[in-house]
């Protein structure tokens, strides 16, 4: 096992990670947590649970391109709306209403996925050969899958990658290009994501 997820006996997935890989994954997950931002404040003990369930979130899309990729509008671009007989103002209103009642929950889930990655990695100690085996069972493989996807989306937004074939062009960047480390992380995360999907 080296650098790719494999099936774990008893279900789940396992991967051997060295100290540098652990450090990079943890750093990226922490940065993702910072990007997503803090969670909603805990409701008071006497708060109405039903009201908390329907707490309203933002109605405007995020201005940061990476956050916009993580929290896209639920409805397509106005051009497609015209074909469906819906005007742009109506489409914008629908998207705002949908966002208002879903984004907080989506943010919480993405935050929990990234936290699961950080906590999993915090429990790892590389052995004498410099690697540690991370075993994911229960809900952890899906949490990791969500976090890996969110990390790739975030990096893709920073690199202006909108199609998979664009990453191949970036792979051929010269080593002195400042984007090269981010491209390598994007490709590595893609490999991890792919092998985790195959394992599951």
C-alpha atoms as a PDB file:
ATOM      1  CA  UNK A   1       0.000   0.000   0.000  1.00  0.00           C
ATOM      2  CA  UNK A   2       1.563   3.291  -0.981  1.00  0.00           C
ATOM      3  CA  UNK A   3      -0.196   6.562  -1.726  1.00  0.00           C
ATOM      4  CA  UNK A   4      -3.484   5.040  -2.871  1.00  0.00           C
ATOM      5  CA  UNK A   5      -6.551   3.839  -1.020  1.00  0.00           C
ATOM      6  CA  UNK A   6      -7.099   0.113  -0.815  1.00  0.00           C
ATOM      7  CA  UNK A   7      -9.878  -2.043   0.569  1.00  0.00           C
ATOM      8  CA  UNK A   8      -9.656  -2.565   4.309  1.00  0.00           C
ATOM      9  CA  UNK A   9     -10.396  -5.962   5.831  1.00  0.00           C
ATOM     10  CA  UNK A  10     -13.813  -5.715   7.395  1.00  0.00           C
ATOM     11  CA  UNK A  11     -14.871  -2.896   5.082  1.00  0.00           C
ATOM     12  CA  UNK A  12     -13.823   0.670   4.557  1.00  0.00           C
ATOM     13  CA  UNK A  13     -10.537   1.861   3.129  1.00  0.00           C
ATOM     14  CA  UNK A  14      -6.907   2.184   4.152  1.00  0.00           C
ATOM     15  CA  UNK A  15      -3.938   4.165   2.883  1.00  0.00           C
ATOM     16  CA  UNK A  16      -0.275   4.482   3.845  1.00  0.00           C
ATOM     17  CA  UNK A  17       0.786   8.111   4.226  1.00  0.00           C
ATOM     18  CA  UNK A  18       4.220   9.489   4.994  1.00  0.00           C
ATOM     19  CA  UNK A  19       4.854  12.464   7.255  1.00  0.00           C
ATOM     20  CA  UNK A  20       4.890  14.984   4.386  1.00  0.00           C
ATOM     21  CA  UNK A  21       1.623  13.661   2.917  1.00  0.00           C
ATOM     22  CA  UNK A  22      -0.011  13.803   6.347  1.00  0.00           C
ATOM     23  CA  UNK A  23       1.202  17.369   6.805  1.00  0.00           C
ATOM     24  CA  UNK A  24      -0.023  18.506   3.366  1.00  0.00           C
ATOM     25  CA  UNK A  25      -3.457  16.883   3.733  1.00  0.00           C
ATOM     26  CA  UNK A  26      -3.912  18.306   7.219  1.00  0.00           C
ATOM     27  CA  UNK A  27      -2.836  21.788   6.113  1.00  0.00           C
ATOM     28  CA  UNK A  28      -5.206  21.729   3.133  1.00  0.00           C
ATOM     29  CA  UNK A  29      -8.117  20.561   5.320  1.00  0.00           C
ATOM     30  CA  UNK A  30      -7.422  23.315   7.871  1.00  0.00           C
ATOM     31  CA  UNK A  31      -7.301  25.910   5.077  1.00  0.00           C
ATOM     32  CA  UNK A  32     -10.622  24.569   3.787  1.00  0.00           C
ATOM     33  CA  UNK A  33     -12.119  24.990   7.265  1.00  0.00           C
ATOM     34  CA  UNK A  34     -10.877  28.582   7.354  1.00  0.00           C
ATOM     35  CA  UNK A  35     -12.357  29.240   3.909  1.00  0.00           C
ATOM     36  CA  UNK A  36     -15.757  27.781   4.829  1.00  0.00           C
ATOM     37  CA  UNK A  37     -15.789  29.803   8.035  1.00  0.00           C
ATOM     38  CA  UNK A  38     -17.140  29.170  11.500  1.00  0.00           C
ATOM     39  CA  UNK A  39     -20.391  27.396  12.051  1.00  0.00           C
ATOM     40  CA  UNK A  40     -23.621  28.952  13.182  1.00  0.00           C
ATOM     41  CA  UNK A  41     -23.670  29.765  16.891  1.00  0.00           C
ATOM     42  CA  UNK A  42     -25.067  27.041  19.120  1.00  0.00           C
ATOM     43  CA  UNK A  43     -28.746  27.654  19.882  1.00  0.00           C
ATOM     44  CA  UNK A  44     -29.651  28.444  23.474  1.00  0.00           C
ATOM     45  CA  UNK A  45     -30.823  25.518  25.597  1.00  0.00           C
ATOM     46  CA  UNK A  46     -34.380  26.839  25.617  1.00  0.00           C
ATOM     47  CA  UNK A  47     -34.396  27.592  21.862  1.00  0.00           C
ATOM     48  CA  UNK A  48     -37.163  26.158  19.728  1.00  0.00           C
ATOM     49  CA  UNK A  49     -35.626  23.171  17.854  1.00  0.00           C
ATOM     50  CA  UNK A  50     -38.017  23.644  14.935  1.00  0.00           C
ATOM     51  CA  UNK A  51     -36.999  27.292  14.564  1.00  0.00           C
ATOM     52  CA  UNK A  52     -33.326  26.281  14.657  1.00  0.00           C
ATOM     53  CA  UNK A  53     -33.996  23.725  11.933  1.00  0.00           C
ATOM     54  CA  UNK A  54     -35.362  26.452   9.660  1.00  0.00           C
ATOM     55  CA  UNK A  55     -32.766  29.110  10.521  1.00  0.00           C
ATOM     56  CA  UNK A  56     -32.165  31.302   7.516  1.00  0.00           C
ATOM     57  CA  UNK A  57     -28.803  31.539   5.834  1.00  0.00           C
ATOM     58  CA  UNK A  58     -27.422  33.890   3.200  1.00  0.00           C
ATOM     59  CA  UNK A  59     -29.444  34.571   0.084  1.00  0.00           C
ATOM     60  CA  UNK A  60     -26.620  35.972  -2.069  1.00  0.00           C
ATOM     61  CA  UNK A  61     -23.968  33.768  -3.693  1.00  0.00           C
ATOM     62  CA  UNK A  62     -20.450  34.099  -2.253  1.00  0.00           C
ATOM     63  CA  UNK A  63     -18.153  36.603  -3.958  1.00  0.00           C
ATOM     64  CA  UNK A  64     -15.055  34.394  -3.514  1.00  0.00           C
ATOM     65  CA  UNK A  65     -14.783  32.143  -6.622  1.00  0.00           C
ATOM     66  CA  UNK A  66     -13.738  29.137  -4.517  1.00  0.00           C
ATOM     67  CA  UNK A  67     -16.746  29.511  -2.207  1.00  0.00           C
ATOM     68  CA  UNK A  68     -18.978  30.064  -5.237  1.00  0.00           C
ATOM     69  CA  UNK A  69     -17.719  26.707  -6.558  1.00  0.00           C
ATOM     70  CA  UNK A  70     -18.402  25.019  -3.206  1.00  0.00           C
ATOM     71  CA  UNK A  71     -21.827  26.668  -2.820  1.00  0.00           C
ATOM     72  CA  UNK A  72     -23.166  27.161  -6.357  1.00  0.00           C
ATOM     73  CA  UNK A  73     -26.597  28.495  -7.224  1.00  0.00           C
ATOM     74  CA  UNK A  74     -29.222  25.772  -7.346  1.00  0.00           C
ATOM     75  CA  UNK A  75     -30.602  27.019 -10.648  1.00  0.00           C
ATOM     76  CA  UNK A  76     -28.790  27.373 -13.963  1.00  0.00           C
ATOM     77  CA  UNK A  77     -27.708  30.466 -15.803  1.00  0.00           C
ATOM     78  CA  UNK A  78     -30.385  32.896 -17.009  1.00  0.00           C
ATOM     79  CA  UNK A  79     -29.775  31.856 -20.656  1.00  0.00           C
ATOM     80  CA  UNK A  80     -31.171  28.392 -19.970  1.00  0.00           C
ATOM     81  CA  UNK A  81     -34.035  29.914 -18.001  1.00  0.00           C
ATOM     82  CA  UNK A  82     -35.232  31.864 -21.048  1.00  0.00           C
ATOM     83  CA  UNK A  83     -35.519  28.609 -22.943  1.00  0.00           C
ATOM     84  CA  UNK A  84     -37.588  27.172 -20.094  1.00  0.00           C
ATOM     85  CA  UNK A  85     -39.860  30.219 -20.024  1.00  0.00           C
ATOM     86  CA  UNK A  86     -38.497  31.636 -16.755  1.00  0.00           C
ATOM     87  CA  UNK A  87     -37.139  35.181 -16.695  1.00  0.00           C
ATOM     88  CA  UNK A  88     -33.784  36.020 -15.114  1.00  0.00           C
ATOM     89  CA  UNK A  89     -35.320  37.868 -12.143  1.00  0.00           C
ATOM     90  CA  UNK A  90     -37.509  34.878 -11.272  1.00  0.00           C
ATOM     91  CA  UNK A  91     -34.531  32.540 -11.550  1.00  0.00           C
ATOM     92  CA  UNK A  92     -32.446  34.765  -9.268  1.00  0.00           C
ATOM     93  CA  UNK A  93     -35.282  34.902  -6.720  1.00  0.00           C
ATOM     94  CA  UNK A  94     -35.634  31.105  -6.757  1.00  0.00           C
ATOM     95  CA  UNK A  95     -31.893  30.616  -6.297  1.00  0.00           C
ATOM     96  CA  UNK A  96     -31.821  33.104  -3.395  1.00  0.00           C
ATOM     97  CA  UNK A  97     -34.740  31.393  -1.669  1.00  0.00           C
ATOM     98  CA  UNK A  98     -33.193  27.940  -2.087  1.00  0.00           C
ATOM     99  CA  UNK A  99     -29.807  29.174  -0.821  1.00  0.00           C
ATOM    100  CA  UNK A 100     -31.419  30.822   2.211  1.00  0.00           C
ATOM    101  CA  UNK A 101     -32.686  27.493   3.511  1.00  0.00           C
ATOM    102  CA  UNK A 102     -29.902  25.133   2.393  1.00  0.00           C
ATOM    103  CA  UNK A 103     -26.508  26.836   2.560  1.00  0.00           C
ATOM    104  CA  UNK A 104     -26.131  26.664   6.353  1.00  0.00           C
ATOM    105  CA  UNK A 105     -26.654  22.881   6.310  1.00  0.00           C
ATOM    106  CA  UNK A 106     -24.313  22.470   3.343  1.00  0.00           C
ATOM    107  CA  UNK A 107     -21.634  24.524   5.082  1.00  0.00           C
ATOM    108  CA  UNK A 108     -22.041  22.441   8.246  1.00  0.00           C
ATOM    109  CA  UNK A 109     -21.624  19.201   6.288  1.00  0.00           C
ATOM    110  CA  UNK A 110     -18.546  20.449   4.464  1.00  0.00           C
ATOM    111  CA  UNK A 111     -17.099  21.652   7.764  1.00  0.00           C
ATOM    112  CA  UNK A 112     -17.747  18.241   9.364  1.00  0.00           C
ATOM    113  CA  UNK A 113     -16.077  16.480   6.419  1.00  0.00           C
ATOM    114  CA  UNK A 114     -12.950  18.642   6.689  1.00  0.00           C
ATOM    115  CA  UNK A 115     -12.870  18.226  10.487  1.00  0.00           C
ATOM    116  CA  UNK A 116     -13.082  14.440  10.054  1.00  0.00           C
ATOM    117  CA  UNK A 117      -9.969  14.585   7.841  1.00  0.00           C
ATOM    118  CA  UNK A 118      -8.059  16.698  10.376  1.00  0.00           C
ATOM    119  CA  UNK A 119      -9.047  14.454  13.294  1.00  0.00           C
ATOM    120  CA  UNK A 120      -8.154  11.284  11.352  1.00  0.00           C
ATOM    121  CA  UNK A 121      -4.727  12.658  10.524  1.00  0.00           C
ATOM    122  CA  UNK A 122      -4.107  13.937  14.064  1.00  0.00           C
ATOM    123  CA  UNK A 123      -4.310  10.347  15.291  1.00  0.00           C
ATOM    124  CA  UNK A 124      -1.596   9.104  12.914  1.00  0.00           C
ATOM    125  CA  UNK A 125       1.996   8.467  13.920  1.00  0.00           C
ATOM    126  CA  UNK A 126       4.434   7.409  11.196  1.00  0.00           C
ATOM    127  CA  UNK A 127       6.306   4.194  12.017  1.00  0.00           C
ATOM    128  CA  UNK A 128       9.996   3.473  11.587  1.00  0.00           C
ATOM    129  CA  UNK A 129       9.676   3.311   7.796  1.00  0.00           C
ATOM    130  CA  UNK A 130       8.268   6.860   7.789  1.00  0.00           C
ATOM    131  CA  UNK A 131       4.703   5.871   6.915  1.00  0.00           C
ATOM    132  CA  UNK A 132       1.498   5.455   8.883  1.00  0.00           C
ATOM    133  CA  UNK A 133      -1.535   3.462   7.823  1.00  0.00           C
ATOM    134  CA  UNK A 134      -4.773   5.405   7.978  1.00  0.00           C
ATOM    135  CA  UNK A 135      -7.821   3.169   8.276  1.00  0.00           C
ATOM    136  CA  UNK A 136     -11.238   4.578   7.477  1.00  0.00           C
ATOM    137  CA  UNK A 137     -14.371   2.743   8.545  1.00  0.00           C
ATOM    138  CA  UNK A 138     -18.009   3.596   9.188  1.00  0.00           C
ATOM    139  CA  UNK A 139     -18.876   7.051   7.847  1.00  0.00           C
ATOM    140  CA  UNK A 140     -15.240   8.194   7.556  1.00  0.00           C
ATOM    141  CA  UNK A 141     -14.672   7.055   3.940  1.00  0.00           C
ATOM    142  CA  UNK A 142     -17.618   9.179   2.793  1.00  0.00           C
ATOM    143  CA  UNK A 143     -16.469  12.130   4.917  1.00  0.00           C
ATOM    144  CA  UNK A 144     -13.035  11.864   3.326  1.00  0.00           C
ATOM    145  CA  UNK A 145     -14.563  11.586  -0.129  1.00  0.00           C
ATOM    146  CA  UNK A 146     -16.555  14.782   0.467  1.00  0.00           C
ATOM    147  CA  UNK A 147     -13.528  16.656   1.788  1.00  0.00           C
ATOM    148  CA  UNK A 148     -11.265  15.516  -1.078  1.00  0.00           C
ATOM    149  CA  UNK A 149     -13.898  16.695  -3.556  1.00  0.00           C
ATOM    150  CA  UNK A 150     -14.213  20.063  -1.794  1.00  0.00           C
ATOM    151  CA  UNK A 151     -10.429  20.507  -1.758  1.00  0.00           C
ATOM    152  CA  UNK A 152     -10.214  19.775  -5.492  1.00  0.00           C
ATOM    153  CA  UNK A 153     -13.060  22.192  -6.261  1.00  0.00           C
ATOM    154  CA  UNK A 154     -11.365  24.900  -4.209  1.00  0.00           C
ATOM    155  CA  UNK A 155      -7.983  24.443  -5.877  1.00  0.00           C
ATOM    156  CA  UNK A 156      -9.634  24.245  -9.310  1.00  0.00           C
ATOM    157  CA  UNK A 157     -11.298  27.603  -8.640  1.00  0.00           C
ATOM    158  CA  UNK A 158      -7.963  29.138  -7.622  1.00  0.00           C
ATOM    159  CA  UNK A 159      -6.334  27.772 -10.803  1.00  0.00           C
ATOM    160  CA  UNK A 160      -9.310  28.720 -13.031  1.00  0.00           C
ATOM    161  CA  UNK A 161      -9.810  25.077 -14.033  1.00  0.00           C
ATOM    162  CA  UNK A 162     -13.327  24.577 -15.349  1.00  0.00           C
ATOM    163  CA  UNK A 163     -12.795  21.380 -17.369  1.00  0.00           C
ATOM    164  CA  UNK A 164     -10.761  18.274 -16.517  1.00  0.00           C
ATOM    165  CA  UNK A 165      -8.683  18.556 -19.678  1.00  0.00           C
ATOM    166  CA  UNK A 166      -7.413  21.975 -18.533  1.00  0.00           C
ATOM    167  CA  UNK A 167      -5.521  20.284 -15.682  1.00  0.00           C
ATOM    168  CA  UNK A 168      -3.450  18.343 -18.251  1.00  0.00           C
ATOM    169  CA  UNK A 169      -2.200  21.638 -19.719  1.00  0.00           C
ATOM    170  CA  UNK A 170      -1.336  22.900 -16.233  1.00  0.00           C
ATOM    171  CA  UNK A 171       0.575  19.672 -15.544  1.00  0.00           C
ATOM    172  CA  UNK A 172       3.085  20.705 -18.201  1.00  0.00           C
ATOM    173  CA  UNK A 173       3.868  24.021 -16.496  1.00  0.00           C
ATOM    174  CA  UNK A 174       7.575  24.699 -15.966  1.00  0.00           C
ATOM    175  CA  UNK A 175       8.845  23.915 -12.479  1.00  0.00           C
ATOM    176  CA  UNK A 176       9.464  27.586 -11.722  1.00  0.00           C
ATOM    177  CA  UNK A 177       5.801  28.529 -12.360  1.00  0.00           C
ATOM    178  CA  UNK A 178       4.258  29.629  -9.029  1.00  0.00           C
ATOM    179  CA  UNK A 179       1.114  27.597  -9.798  1.00  0.00           C
ATOM    180  CA  UNK A 180       3.031  24.305 -10.087  1.00  0.00           C
ATOM    181  CA  UNK A 181       2.739  23.226  -6.398  1.00  0.00           C
ATOM    182  CA  UNK A 182      -1.007  23.895  -6.432  1.00  0.00           C
ATOM    183  CA  UNK A 183      -1.380  21.944  -9.691  1.00  0.00           C
ATOM    184  CA  UNK A 184       0.535  19.010  -8.210  1.00  0.00           C
ATOM    185  CA  UNK A 185      -1.716  19.068  -5.124  1.00  0.00           C
ATOM    186  CA  UNK A 186      -4.800  19.168  -7.366  1.00  0.00           C
ATOM    187  CA  UNK A 187      -3.631  16.137  -9.357  1.00  0.00           C
ATOM    188  CA  UNK A 188      -2.570  14.222  -6.220  1.00  0.00           C
ATOM    189  CA  UNK A 189      -5.927  14.854  -4.538  1.00  0.00           C
ATOM    190  CA  UNK A 190      -7.630  13.646  -7.723  1.00  0.00           C
ATOM    191  CA  UNK A 191      -5.682  10.390  -7.541  1.00  0.00           C
ATOM    192  CA  UNK A 192      -6.637   9.932  -3.892  1.00  0.00           C
ATOM    193  CA  UNK A 193     -10.275  10.656  -4.668  1.00  0.00           C
ATOM    194  CA  UNK A 194     -10.310   8.221  -7.589  1.00  0.00           C
ATOM    195  CA  UNK A 195      -8.782   5.343  -5.631  1.00  0.00           C
ATOM    196  CA  UNK A 196     -11.115   5.982  -2.684  1.00  0.00           C
ATOM    197  CA  UNK A 197     -14.131   5.831  -5.019  1.00  0.00           C
ATOM    198  CA  UNK A 198     -12.826   2.591  -6.561  1.00  0.00           C
ATOM    199  CA  UNK A 199     -12.267   1.145  -3.086  1.00  0.00           C
ATOM    200  CA  UNK A 200     -15.791   1.968  -1.985  1.00  0.00           C
END
